[in-house]
């Protein structure tokens, strides 16, 4: 039997899968809009990482030493006992010439901190951690999912996970609270923002 966090994340996955990047008119993005969105996400990733390094300068050396990292910008809304967050981001894998653009969806139980904006920086300490993050699939869409992590906030904005090869940092933009509930998080590769070559080279599950 699925736990409540699993049910919530799987339900919201269906919503996210149907809400891949679209224009303001609800139609698929044009080539020009795709290029513009890629650039805006890349700029966001630099701002988010810089914000974290400003608060914790040691992170810079950590990022420089690892094979990859990801930066997400998310918006959190607490609705009674359910925390929802949706955002966009990019994963930098130093084995690849191009970044991988992604979307994120997070749910959790408990009383959160109301409305929040925040950056989330994920640091991968080995290539296996990157591949595992990318291999999870929901309805054929590759993405990283951790529905049982039961994250707890640590010191300095670090969110502890059960994977020792992944570090997750959060940097609040407004209403940041280390005690906010993080629940399970689903990360999906953006099927429209990434080019076909990038999508074709993503890791696959071994059969």
N, C-alpha and C. Protein backbone atom coordinates (compact mmCIF):
# COMPACT_ATOMS: atom_id res chain seq x y z
N UNK A 1 0.84 -1.20 0.00
CA UNK A 1 0.00 0.00 0.00
C UNK A 1 0.88 1.25 0.00
N UNK A 2 0.57 2.22 -0.86
CA UNK A 2 1.36 3.42 -0.95
C UNK A 2 1.12 4.32 0.26
N UNK A 3 2.21 4.93 0.75
CA UNK A 3 2.08 5.86 1.85
C UNK A 3 1.46 7.15 1.32
N UNK A 4 0.99 8.01 2.23
CA UNK A 4 0.37 9.27 1.82
C UNK A 4 1.34 10.13 1.02
N UNK A 5 2.61 10.29 1.46
CA UNK A 5 3.53 11.09 0.64
C UNK A 5 3.67 10.55 -0.78
N UNK A 6 3.70 9.20 -0.93
CA UNK A 6 3.83 8.62 -2.27
C UNK A 6 2.58 8.93 -3.10
N UNK A 7 1.42 8.79 -2.47
CA UNK A 7 0.18 9.06 -3.20
C UNK A 7 0.13 10.52 -3.65
N UNK A 8 0.56 11.42 -2.77
CA UNK A 8 0.55 12.83 -3.10
C UNK A 8 1.48 13.14 -4.25
N UNK A 9 2.70 12.61 -4.19
CA UNK A 9 3.68 12.93 -5.22
C UNK A 9 3.31 12.31 -6.55
N UNK A 10 2.72 11.10 -6.52
CA UNK A 10 2.32 10.47 -7.78
C UNK A 10 1.13 11.20 -8.41
N UNK A 11 0.21 11.66 -7.56
CA UNK A 11 -0.91 12.42 -8.06
C UNK A 11 -0.44 13.72 -8.68
N UNK A 12 0.45 14.41 -8.00
CA UNK A 12 0.95 15.68 -8.51
C UNK A 12 1.84 15.47 -9.72
N UNK A 13 2.45 14.28 -9.84
CA UNK A 13 3.27 13.99 -11.01
C UNK A 13 2.44 14.04 -12.27
N UNK A 14 1.21 13.56 -12.18
CA UNK A 14 0.33 13.59 -13.34
C UNK A 14 0.02 15.02 -13.75
N UNK A 15 -0.12 15.88 -12.75
CA UNK A 15 -0.37 17.29 -13.03
C UNK A 15 0.84 17.91 -13.69
N UNK A 16 2.02 17.63 -13.13
CA UNK A 16 3.25 18.21 -13.67
C UNK A 16 3.54 17.70 -15.06
N UNK A 17 3.28 16.41 -15.28
CA UNK A 17 3.54 15.83 -16.60
C UNK A 17 2.71 16.51 -17.67
N UNK A 18 1.53 16.98 -17.29
CA UNK A 18 0.67 17.65 -18.25
C UNK A 18 0.90 19.14 -18.33
N UNK A 19 1.88 19.62 -17.55
CA UNK A 19 2.14 21.06 -17.51
C UNK A 19 3.56 21.38 -17.91
N UNK A 20 4.12 20.63 -18.86
CA UNK A 20 5.44 20.94 -19.36
C UNK A 20 5.41 22.34 -19.96
N UNK A 21 6.58 22.91 -20.14
CA UNK A 21 6.71 24.30 -20.52
C UNK A 21 5.81 24.70 -21.69
N UNK A 22 5.01 25.73 -21.47
CA UNK A 22 4.14 26.27 -22.52
C UNK A 22 4.21 27.79 -22.46
N UNK A 23 3.75 28.43 -23.52
CA UNK A 23 3.73 29.87 -23.56
C UNK A 23 2.56 30.42 -22.78
N UNK A 24 2.45 31.76 -22.73
CA UNK A 24 1.36 32.40 -21.98
C UNK A 24 0.00 32.07 -22.57
N UNK A 25 -0.02 31.68 -23.86
CA UNK A 25 -1.28 31.33 -24.50
C UNK A 25 -1.62 29.85 -24.36
N UNK A 26 -0.79 29.11 -23.59
CA UNK A 26 -1.04 27.69 -23.36
C UNK A 26 -0.53 26.80 -24.47
N UNK A 27 0.02 27.38 -25.53
CA UNK A 27 0.54 26.59 -26.64
C UNK A 27 2.02 26.28 -26.44
N UNK A 28 2.55 25.26 -27.13
CA UNK A 28 3.98 24.95 -27.02
C UNK A 28 4.84 26.17 -27.33
N UNK A 29 5.97 26.27 -26.67
CA UNK A 29 6.86 27.40 -26.88
C UNK A 29 7.44 27.39 -28.29
N UNK A 30 7.65 28.58 -28.82
CA UNK A 30 8.32 28.70 -30.10
C UNK A 30 9.82 28.52 -29.89
N UNK A 31 10.56 28.38 -30.98
CA UNK A 31 12.02 28.22 -30.86
C UNK A 31 12.63 29.42 -30.15
N UNK A 32 12.16 30.61 -30.49
CA UNK A 32 12.69 31.81 -29.86
C UNK A 32 12.38 31.83 -28.36
N UNK A 33 11.18 31.40 -27.99
CA UNK A 33 10.80 31.36 -26.57
C UNK A 33 11.60 30.31 -25.81
N UNK A 34 11.90 29.20 -26.47
CA UNK A 34 12.72 28.16 -25.84
C UNK A 34 14.12 28.68 -25.53
N UNK A 35 14.71 29.36 -26.51
CA UNK A 35 16.04 29.94 -26.31
C UNK A 35 16.01 30.94 -25.17
N UNK A 36 14.98 31.78 -25.14
CA UNK A 36 14.85 32.79 -24.08
C UNK A 36 14.69 32.13 -22.71
N UNK A 37 13.89 31.07 -22.64
CA UNK A 37 13.68 30.41 -21.35
C UNK A 37 14.95 29.73 -20.87
N UNK A 38 15.69 29.11 -21.79
CA UNK A 38 16.97 28.50 -21.42
C UNK A 38 17.88 29.54 -20.78
N UNK A 39 17.96 30.69 -21.42
CA UNK A 39 18.84 31.74 -20.91
C UNK A 39 18.39 32.23 -19.54
N UNK A 40 17.08 32.38 -19.35
CA UNK A 40 16.58 32.86 -18.06
C UNK A 40 16.85 31.85 -16.95
N UNK A 41 16.75 30.56 -17.27
CA UNK A 41 17.04 29.53 -16.27
C UNK A 41 18.52 29.51 -15.93
N UNK A 42 19.38 29.67 -16.94
CA UNK A 42 20.82 29.70 -16.69
C UNK A 42 21.21 30.90 -15.83
N UNK A 43 20.58 32.06 -16.10
CA UNK A 43 20.84 33.23 -15.27
C UNK A 43 20.38 32.97 -13.84
N UNK A 44 19.18 32.37 -13.69
CA UNK A 44 18.67 32.04 -12.37
C UNK A 44 19.65 31.14 -11.62
N UNK A 45 20.21 30.16 -12.32
CA UNK A 45 21.13 29.21 -11.65
C UNK A 45 22.37 29.92 -11.12
N UNK A 46 22.86 30.90 -11.85
CA UNK A 46 24.03 31.66 -11.39
C UNK A 46 23.68 32.49 -10.16
N UNK A 47 22.50 33.12 -10.20
CA UNK A 47 22.06 33.95 -9.07
C UNK A 47 21.85 33.08 -7.83
N UNK A 48 21.18 31.91 -8.02
CA UNK A 48 20.91 31.04 -6.88
C UNK A 48 22.18 30.50 -6.25
N UNK A 49 23.12 30.06 -7.08
CA UNK A 49 24.38 29.53 -6.56
C UNK A 49 25.18 30.63 -5.86
N UNK A 50 25.19 31.82 -6.45
CA UNK A 50 25.90 32.94 -5.83
C UNK A 50 25.30 33.31 -4.48
N UNK A 51 23.97 33.22 -4.38
CA UNK A 51 23.31 33.53 -3.11
C UNK A 51 23.73 32.55 -2.02
N UNK A 52 23.85 31.26 -2.41
CA UNK A 52 24.27 30.26 -1.44
C UNK A 52 25.72 30.47 -1.03
N UNK A 53 26.58 30.72 -2.01
CA UNK A 53 28.00 30.91 -1.72
C UNK A 53 28.22 32.14 -0.84
N UNK A 54 27.39 33.17 -1.03
CA UNK A 54 27.49 34.36 -0.18
C UNK A 54 27.23 34.01 1.27
N UNK A 55 26.26 33.10 1.51
CA UNK A 55 25.95 32.69 2.87
C UNK A 55 26.91 31.64 3.39
N UNK A 56 27.43 30.81 2.48
CA UNK A 56 28.31 29.72 2.87
C UNK A 56 29.44 29.61 1.85
N UNK A 57 30.51 30.40 1.99
CA UNK A 57 31.59 30.46 1.01
C UNK A 57 32.25 29.11 0.73
N UNK A 58 32.21 28.17 1.68
CA UNK A 58 32.85 26.87 1.50
C UNK A 58 32.19 26.07 0.37
N UNK A 59 30.96 26.42 0.04
CA UNK A 59 30.25 25.69 -1.01
C UNK A 59 30.94 25.84 -2.37
N UNK A 60 31.61 26.96 -2.59
CA UNK A 60 32.25 27.19 -3.88
C UNK A 60 33.28 26.11 -4.20
N UNK A 61 34.12 25.78 -3.24
CA UNK A 61 35.11 24.73 -3.45
C UNK A 61 34.45 23.37 -3.61
N UNK A 62 33.35 23.17 -2.88
CA UNK A 62 32.62 21.90 -2.99
C UNK A 62 32.06 21.73 -4.40
N UNK A 63 31.47 22.79 -4.93
CA UNK A 63 30.89 22.73 -6.27
C UNK A 63 31.98 22.51 -7.33
N UNK A 64 33.11 23.16 -7.15
CA UNK A 64 34.19 23.04 -8.11
C UNK A 64 34.79 21.64 -8.13
N UNK A 65 34.66 20.90 -7.02
CA UNK A 65 35.31 19.60 -6.91
C UNK A 65 34.44 18.43 -7.33
N UNK A 66 33.12 18.64 -7.43
CA UNK A 66 32.21 17.53 -7.71
C UNK A 66 31.93 17.40 -9.21
N UNK A 67 31.42 16.24 -9.66
CA UNK A 67 31.14 16.03 -11.09
C UNK A 67 29.87 16.72 -11.59
N UNK A 68 29.05 17.23 -10.68
CA UNK A 68 27.84 17.89 -11.15
C UNK A 68 27.03 18.51 -10.03
N UNK A 69 26.16 19.43 -10.42
CA UNK A 69 25.25 20.07 -9.46
C UNK A 69 24.04 20.59 -10.21
N UNK A 70 22.97 20.87 -9.47
CA UNK A 70 21.74 21.40 -10.07
C UNK A 70 21.26 22.58 -9.23
N UNK A 71 20.59 23.51 -9.90
CA UNK A 71 20.02 24.66 -9.20
C UNK A 71 18.57 24.80 -9.63
N UNK A 72 17.67 24.92 -8.65
CA UNK A 72 16.25 25.08 -8.91
C UNK A 72 15.75 26.34 -8.22
N UNK A 73 14.75 26.96 -8.82
CA UNK A 73 14.02 28.05 -8.19
C UNK A 73 12.60 27.57 -8.00
N UNK A 74 12.13 27.55 -6.76
CA UNK A 74 10.81 27.00 -6.49
C UNK A 74 9.95 27.99 -5.71
N UNK A 75 8.65 27.81 -5.84
CA UNK A 75 7.67 28.59 -5.09
C UNK A 75 6.88 27.60 -4.24
N UNK A 76 6.82 27.85 -2.96
CA UNK A 76 6.11 26.98 -2.02
C UNK A 76 4.81 27.63 -1.55
N UNK A 77 3.76 26.83 -1.48
CA UNK A 77 2.49 27.31 -0.92
C UNK A 77 1.99 26.28 0.08
N UNK A 78 1.72 26.70 1.29
CA UNK A 78 1.20 25.80 2.31
C UNK A 78 -0.33 25.90 2.33
N UNK A 79 -1.00 24.79 2.04
CA UNK A 79 -2.47 24.75 2.04
C UNK A 79 -2.92 23.82 3.17
N UNK A 80 -3.31 24.39 4.29
CA UNK A 80 -3.72 23.64 5.47
C UNK A 80 -2.58 22.69 5.88
N UNK A 81 -2.72 21.38 5.59
CA UNK A 81 -1.68 20.44 5.99
C UNK A 81 -0.87 19.91 4.81
N UNK A 82 -0.97 20.57 3.68
CA UNK A 82 -0.25 20.11 2.49
C UNK A 82 0.64 21.22 1.95
N UNK A 83 1.93 20.93 1.81
CA UNK A 83 2.87 21.89 1.26
C UNK A 83 3.15 21.51 -0.19
N UNK A 84 2.90 22.43 -1.10
CA UNK A 84 3.16 22.20 -2.51
C UNK A 84 4.23 23.16 -3.00
N UNK A 85 5.07 22.70 -3.88
CA UNK A 85 6.08 23.58 -4.48
C UNK A 85 6.31 23.15 -5.91
N UNK A 86 6.46 24.13 -6.79
CA UNK A 86 6.75 23.84 -8.17
C UNK A 86 7.81 24.80 -8.65
N UNK A 87 8.76 24.31 -9.44
CA UNK A 87 9.81 25.19 -9.90
C UNK A 87 10.49 24.66 -11.14
N UNK A 88 11.50 25.39 -11.57
CA UNK A 88 12.28 25.00 -12.72
C UNK A 88 13.75 25.13 -12.39
N UNK A 89 14.57 24.39 -13.11
CA UNK A 89 15.99 24.43 -12.81
C UNK A 89 16.82 23.79 -13.90
N UNK A 90 18.09 23.59 -13.57
CA UNK A 90 19.03 23.06 -14.55
C UNK A 90 20.09 22.24 -13.84
N UNK A 91 20.45 21.13 -14.46
CA UNK A 91 21.47 20.24 -13.91
C UNK A 91 22.72 20.34 -14.77
N UNK A 92 23.85 20.57 -14.13
CA UNK A 92 25.13 20.65 -14.82
C UNK A 92 25.93 19.39 -14.53
N UNK A 93 26.10 18.56 -15.55
CA UNK A 93 26.86 17.32 -15.47
C UNK A 93 28.16 17.56 -16.24
N UNK A 94 29.28 17.54 -15.57
CA UNK A 94 30.54 17.90 -16.22
C UNK A 94 30.99 16.90 -17.28
N UNK A 95 30.29 15.78 -17.41
CA UNK A 95 30.58 14.84 -18.48
C UNK A 95 29.91 15.27 -19.78
N UNK A 96 28.99 16.23 -19.69
CA UNK A 96 28.17 16.61 -20.83
C UNK A 96 28.49 18.05 -21.28
N UNK A 97 28.43 18.30 -22.57
CA UNK A 97 28.67 19.65 -23.05
C UNK A 97 27.51 20.61 -22.81
N UNK A 98 26.29 20.05 -22.67
CA UNK A 98 25.10 20.88 -22.50
C UNK A 98 24.43 20.62 -21.15
N UNK A 99 23.85 21.66 -20.54
CA UNK A 99 23.10 21.46 -19.29
C UNK A 99 21.78 20.75 -19.56
N UNK A 100 21.18 20.19 -18.51
CA UNK A 100 19.90 19.50 -18.63
C UNK A 100 18.86 20.33 -17.88
N UNK A 101 17.86 20.82 -18.61
CA UNK A 101 16.83 21.66 -18.01
C UNK A 101 15.73 20.78 -17.42
N UNK A 102 15.26 21.16 -16.22
CA UNK A 102 14.34 20.31 -15.48
C UNK A 102 13.22 21.12 -14.84
N UNK A 103 12.22 20.39 -14.35
CA UNK A 103 11.15 20.96 -13.54
C UNK A 103 11.07 20.19 -12.23
N UNK A 104 10.52 20.81 -11.21
CA UNK A 104 10.45 20.16 -9.90
C UNK A 104 9.06 20.30 -9.31
N UNK A 105 8.65 19.27 -8.56
CA UNK A 105 7.40 19.31 -7.83
C UNK A 105 7.64 18.67 -6.47
N UNK A 106 7.20 19.34 -5.44
CA UNK A 106 7.47 18.86 -4.08
C UNK A 106 6.19 18.91 -3.27
N UNK A 107 5.94 17.86 -2.49
CA UNK A 107 4.80 17.85 -1.58
C UNK A 107 5.27 17.40 -0.21
N UNK A 108 4.53 17.79 0.80
CA UNK A 108 4.86 17.35 2.14
C UNK A 108 3.68 17.53 3.07
N UNK A 109 3.71 16.80 4.17
CA UNK A 109 2.65 16.91 5.16
C UNK A 109 3.10 17.82 6.28
N UNK A 110 2.18 18.41 6.96
CA UNK A 110 2.51 19.20 8.12
C UNK A 110 2.32 20.69 7.87
N UNK A 111 2.44 21.45 8.91
CA UNK A 111 2.24 22.89 8.82
C UNK A 111 3.54 23.53 8.35
N UNK A 112 3.52 24.15 7.20
CA UNK A 112 4.72 24.76 6.64
C UNK A 112 4.83 26.22 7.02
N UNK A 113 5.54 26.97 6.20
CA UNK A 113 5.81 28.37 6.53
C UNK A 113 5.01 29.31 5.64
N UNK A 114 3.85 28.87 5.18
CA UNK A 114 3.06 29.72 4.31
C UNK A 114 3.64 29.78 2.91
N UNK A 115 3.68 30.99 2.34
CA UNK A 115 4.18 31.14 0.98
C UNK A 115 5.68 31.41 1.02
N UNK A 116 6.42 30.74 0.17
CA UNK A 116 7.86 30.92 0.12
C UNK A 116 8.37 30.93 -1.31
N UNK A 117 9.42 31.69 -1.54
CA UNK A 117 10.25 31.55 -2.73
C UNK A 117 11.61 31.09 -2.23
N UNK A 118 12.23 30.20 -2.98
CA UNK A 118 13.56 29.78 -2.55
C UNK A 118 14.33 29.16 -3.71
N UNK A 119 15.65 29.17 -3.55
CA UNK A 119 16.53 28.43 -4.44
C UNK A 119 16.86 27.10 -3.78
N UNK A 120 17.02 26.09 -4.58
CA UNK A 120 17.48 24.80 -4.08
C UNK A 120 18.70 24.40 -4.91
N UNK A 121 19.79 24.13 -4.22
CA UNK A 121 21.02 23.72 -4.89
C UNK A 121 21.32 22.29 -4.49
N UNK A 122 21.45 21.41 -5.49
CA UNK A 122 21.72 19.99 -5.25
C UNK A 122 23.12 19.69 -5.74
N UNK A 123 23.96 19.16 -4.88
CA UNK A 123 25.34 18.85 -5.24
C UNK A 123 25.53 17.34 -5.28
N UNK A 124 25.99 16.84 -6.42
CA UNK A 124 26.20 15.41 -6.63
C UNK A 124 27.69 15.09 -6.45
N UNK A 125 27.99 14.20 -5.52
CA UNK A 125 29.38 13.92 -5.18
C UNK A 125 30.02 12.85 -6.04
N UNK A 126 29.22 12.12 -6.81
CA UNK A 126 29.78 11.19 -7.80
C UNK A 126 28.81 11.06 -8.97
N UNK A 127 29.30 10.48 -10.06
CA UNK A 127 28.49 10.38 -11.28
C UNK A 127 27.32 9.41 -11.12
N UNK A 128 27.47 8.41 -10.27
CA UNK A 128 26.37 7.48 -10.03
C UNK A 128 25.17 8.22 -9.44
N UNK A 129 25.43 9.18 -8.57
CA UNK A 129 24.34 9.95 -7.96
C UNK A 129 23.60 10.77 -9.03
N UNK A 130 24.34 11.30 -9.99
CA UNK A 130 23.71 12.04 -11.08
C UNK A 130 22.83 11.12 -11.91
N UNK A 131 23.39 9.97 -12.29
CA UNK A 131 22.65 9.02 -13.13
C UNK A 131 21.41 8.50 -12.43
N UNK A 132 21.52 8.22 -11.13
CA UNK A 132 20.36 7.74 -10.37
C UNK A 132 19.28 8.81 -10.32
N UNK A 133 19.70 10.05 -10.18
CA UNK A 133 18.77 11.17 -10.14
C UNK A 133 17.99 11.28 -11.45
N UNK A 134 18.65 11.00 -12.56
CA UNK A 134 18.04 11.14 -13.88
C UNK A 134 17.25 9.91 -14.32
N UNK A 135 17.52 8.75 -13.74
CA UNK A 135 16.96 7.51 -14.27
C UNK A 135 15.52 7.23 -13.87
N UNK A 136 15.08 7.75 -12.72
CA UNK A 136 13.71 7.47 -12.29
C UNK A 136 12.73 7.97 -13.33
N UNK A 137 11.74 7.16 -13.65
CA UNK A 137 10.76 7.54 -14.68
C UNK A 137 9.35 7.51 -14.14
N UNK A 138 8.55 8.47 -14.56
CA UNK A 138 7.12 8.52 -14.28
C UNK A 138 6.42 8.65 -15.63
N UNK A 139 5.61 7.67 -15.98
CA UNK A 139 4.92 7.72 -17.27
C UNK A 139 5.87 7.98 -18.43
N UNK A 140 7.05 7.34 -18.37
CA UNK A 140 7.98 7.45 -19.47
C UNK A 140 8.84 8.70 -19.45
N UNK A 141 8.63 9.58 -18.49
CA UNK A 141 9.43 10.79 -18.43
C UNK A 141 10.53 10.62 -17.39
N UNK A 142 11.75 10.84 -17.82
CA UNK A 142 12.87 10.67 -16.89
C UNK A 142 12.87 11.80 -15.87
N UNK A 143 13.25 11.45 -14.66
CA UNK A 143 13.36 12.46 -13.62
C UNK A 143 13.81 11.82 -12.33
N UNK A 144 14.28 12.62 -11.39
CA UNK A 144 14.72 12.10 -10.10
C UNK A 144 13.62 12.24 -9.08
N UNK A 145 13.36 11.22 -8.31
CA UNK A 145 12.29 11.28 -7.33
C UNK A 145 12.77 10.68 -6.02
N UNK A 146 12.47 11.35 -4.94
CA UNK A 146 12.80 10.83 -3.62
C UNK A 146 11.56 11.02 -2.75
N UNK A 147 10.66 10.02 -2.73
CA UNK A 147 9.39 10.18 -2.01
C UNK A 147 9.45 9.69 -0.57
N UNK A 148 10.53 9.05 -0.19
CA UNK A 148 10.62 8.50 1.15
C UNK A 148 11.76 9.13 1.97
N UNK A 149 12.33 10.21 1.49
CA UNK A 149 13.51 10.75 2.15
C UNK A 149 13.21 11.32 3.52
N UNK A 150 11.98 11.86 3.69
CA UNK A 150 11.63 12.50 4.96
C UNK A 150 12.71 13.50 5.38
N UNK A 151 12.98 14.45 4.50
CA UNK A 151 14.03 15.43 4.73
C UNK A 151 13.84 16.13 6.07
N UNK A 152 14.94 16.44 6.70
CA UNK A 152 14.90 17.27 7.90
C UNK A 152 15.90 18.39 7.73
N UNK A 153 15.55 19.57 8.19
CA UNK A 153 16.43 20.72 8.00
C UNK A 153 17.63 20.62 8.92
N UNK A 154 18.80 20.87 8.36
CA UNK A 154 20.03 20.88 9.16
C UNK A 154 20.53 22.31 9.32
N UNK A 155 21.71 22.45 9.86
CA UNK A 155 22.25 23.78 10.08
C UNK A 155 22.69 24.40 8.77
N UNK A 156 22.69 25.71 8.70
CA UNK A 156 23.17 26.42 7.54
C UNK A 156 22.33 26.24 6.30
N UNK A 157 21.07 25.85 6.44
CA UNK A 157 20.21 25.71 5.28
C UNK A 157 20.35 24.39 4.57
N UNK A 158 21.10 23.44 5.13
CA UNK A 158 21.26 22.14 4.49
C UNK A 158 20.07 21.26 4.81
N UNK A 159 19.54 20.57 3.80
CA UNK A 159 18.46 19.61 4.01
C UNK A 159 19.07 18.22 3.91
N UNK A 160 19.01 17.47 4.99
CA UNK A 160 19.65 16.15 5.03
C UNK A 160 18.81 15.13 4.25
N UNK A 161 19.45 14.34 3.41
CA UNK A 161 18.75 13.26 2.73
C UNK A 161 19.45 11.97 3.08
N UNK A 162 18.87 10.83 2.69
CA UNK A 162 19.46 9.55 3.01
C UNK A 162 20.59 9.17 2.06
N UNK A 163 20.79 9.91 0.99
CA UNK A 163 21.86 9.62 0.05
C UNK A 163 23.12 10.39 0.44
N UNK A 164 24.19 9.70 0.88
CA UNK A 164 25.38 10.41 1.34
C UNK A 164 26.14 11.09 0.21
N UNK A 165 25.78 10.79 -1.03
CA UNK A 165 26.48 11.38 -2.18
C UNK A 165 25.73 12.56 -2.77
N UNK A 166 24.70 13.02 -2.08
CA UNK A 166 23.95 14.19 -2.53
C UNK A 166 23.79 15.15 -1.35
N UNK A 167 24.13 16.42 -1.59
CA UNK A 167 23.90 17.47 -0.61
C UNK A 167 22.86 18.42 -1.18
N UNK A 168 21.89 18.82 -0.35
CA UNK A 168 20.83 19.71 -0.80
C UNK A 168 20.83 20.96 0.09
N UNK A 169 20.97 22.11 -0.54
CA UNK A 169 20.95 23.37 0.18
C UNK A 169 19.74 24.20 -0.27
N UNK A 170 19.18 24.97 0.64
CA UNK A 170 18.11 25.89 0.27
C UNK A 170 18.50 27.31 0.67
N UNK A 171 18.12 28.26 -0.17
CA UNK A 171 18.38 29.67 0.11
C UNK A 171 17.05 30.39 -0.05
N UNK A 172 16.53 30.96 1.03
CA UNK A 172 15.22 31.60 0.99
C UNK A 172 15.27 32.98 0.37
N UNK A 173 14.25 33.30 -0.40
CA UNK A 173 14.10 34.64 -0.97
C UNK A 173 13.11 35.46 -0.15
N UNK A 174 12.07 34.79 0.39
CA UNK A 174 11.07 35.47 1.20
C UNK A 174 10.40 34.43 2.09
N UNK A 175 10.28 34.72 3.37
CA UNK A 175 9.63 33.80 4.29
C UNK A 175 10.38 32.49 4.48
N UNK A 176 11.67 32.51 4.35
CA UNK A 176 12.46 31.28 4.47
C UNK A 176 12.41 30.74 5.89
N UNK A 177 12.21 29.44 6.00
CA UNK A 177 12.11 28.81 7.32
C UNK A 177 12.79 27.46 7.27
N UNK A 178 13.80 27.28 8.09
CA UNK A 178 14.50 26.00 8.11
C UNK A 178 13.61 24.86 8.56
N UNK A 179 12.54 25.16 9.26
CA UNK A 179 11.66 24.11 9.77
C UNK A 179 10.53 23.79 8.79
N UNK A 180 10.51 24.39 7.61
CA UNK A 180 9.48 24.08 6.63
C UNK A 180 9.54 22.60 6.28
N UNK A 181 8.38 22.03 5.97
CA UNK A 181 8.31 20.61 5.65
C UNK A 181 8.69 20.39 4.18
N UNK A 182 9.65 19.49 3.94
CA UNK A 182 10.12 19.29 2.58
C UNK A 182 9.51 18.08 1.88
N UNK A 183 9.03 17.11 2.63
CA UNK A 183 8.32 15.98 2.04
C UNK A 183 9.08 15.34 0.88
N UNK A 184 8.34 14.73 -0.06
CA UNK A 184 8.95 14.10 -1.22
C UNK A 184 9.06 15.09 -2.36
N UNK A 185 10.06 14.91 -3.18
CA UNK A 185 10.27 15.81 -4.31
C UNK A 185 10.42 15.01 -5.60
N UNK A 186 9.76 15.48 -6.63
CA UNK A 186 9.85 14.87 -7.96
C UNK A 186 10.52 15.85 -8.90
N UNK A 187 11.56 15.39 -9.59
CA UNK A 187 12.25 16.20 -10.58
C UNK A 187 12.09 15.56 -11.95
N UNK A 188 11.64 16.33 -12.93
CA UNK A 188 11.44 15.81 -14.28
C UNK A 188 12.27 16.60 -15.28
N UNK A 189 12.85 15.88 -16.22
CA UNK A 189 13.54 16.52 -17.33
C UNK A 189 12.49 17.24 -18.19
N UNK A 190 12.73 18.49 -18.52
CA UNK A 190 11.79 19.24 -19.35
C UNK A 190 11.91 18.75 -20.79
N UNK A 191 10.83 18.14 -21.27
CA UNK A 191 10.86 17.51 -22.59
C UNK A 191 10.90 18.52 -23.73
N UNK A 192 10.51 19.76 -23.47
CA UNK A 192 10.47 20.74 -24.55
C UNK A 192 11.67 21.67 -24.55
N UNK A 193 12.16 22.03 -23.37
CA UNK A 193 13.27 22.97 -23.30
C UNK A 193 14.59 22.34 -23.74
N UNK A 194 14.78 21.05 -23.43
CA UNK A 194 16.01 20.37 -23.84
C UNK A 194 15.95 20.02 -25.33
N UNK A 195 17.12 20.01 -25.97
CA UNK A 195 17.14 19.61 -27.38
C UNK A 195 17.11 18.09 -27.49
N UNK A 196 16.85 17.59 -28.70
CA UNK A 196 16.68 16.15 -28.92
C UNK A 196 17.96 15.38 -28.58
N UNK A 197 19.10 15.95 -28.85
CA UNK A 197 20.37 15.27 -28.58
C UNK A 197 20.56 15.03 -27.09
N UNK A 198 20.25 16.05 -26.30
CA UNK A 198 20.37 15.91 -24.85
C UNK A 198 19.43 14.83 -24.33
N UNK A 199 18.19 14.85 -24.80
CA UNK A 199 17.22 13.86 -24.36
C UNK A 199 17.64 12.44 -24.73
N UNK A 200 18.26 12.28 -25.88
CA UNK A 200 18.63 10.94 -26.35
C UNK A 200 19.82 10.37 -25.60
N UNK A 201 20.58 11.21 -24.90
CA UNK A 201 21.78 10.72 -24.21
C UNK A 201 21.57 10.55 -22.71
N UNK A 202 20.34 10.71 -22.24
CA UNK A 202 20.09 10.52 -20.82
C UNK A 202 20.25 9.06 -20.45
N UNK A 203 20.69 8.78 -19.22
CA UNK A 203 20.88 7.38 -18.81
C UNK A 203 19.56 6.62 -18.75
N UNK A 204 19.61 5.33 -19.03
CA UNK A 204 18.44 4.46 -18.99
C UNK A 204 18.61 3.43 -17.90
N UNK A 205 17.48 2.94 -17.39
CA UNK A 205 17.53 1.86 -16.42
C UNK A 205 18.04 0.59 -17.08
N UNK A 206 18.86 -0.15 -16.35
CA UNK A 206 19.35 -1.43 -16.87
C UNK A 206 18.24 -2.45 -16.79
N UNK A 207 18.02 -3.18 -17.87
CA UNK A 207 16.95 -4.17 -17.87
C UNK A 207 17.49 -5.53 -17.44
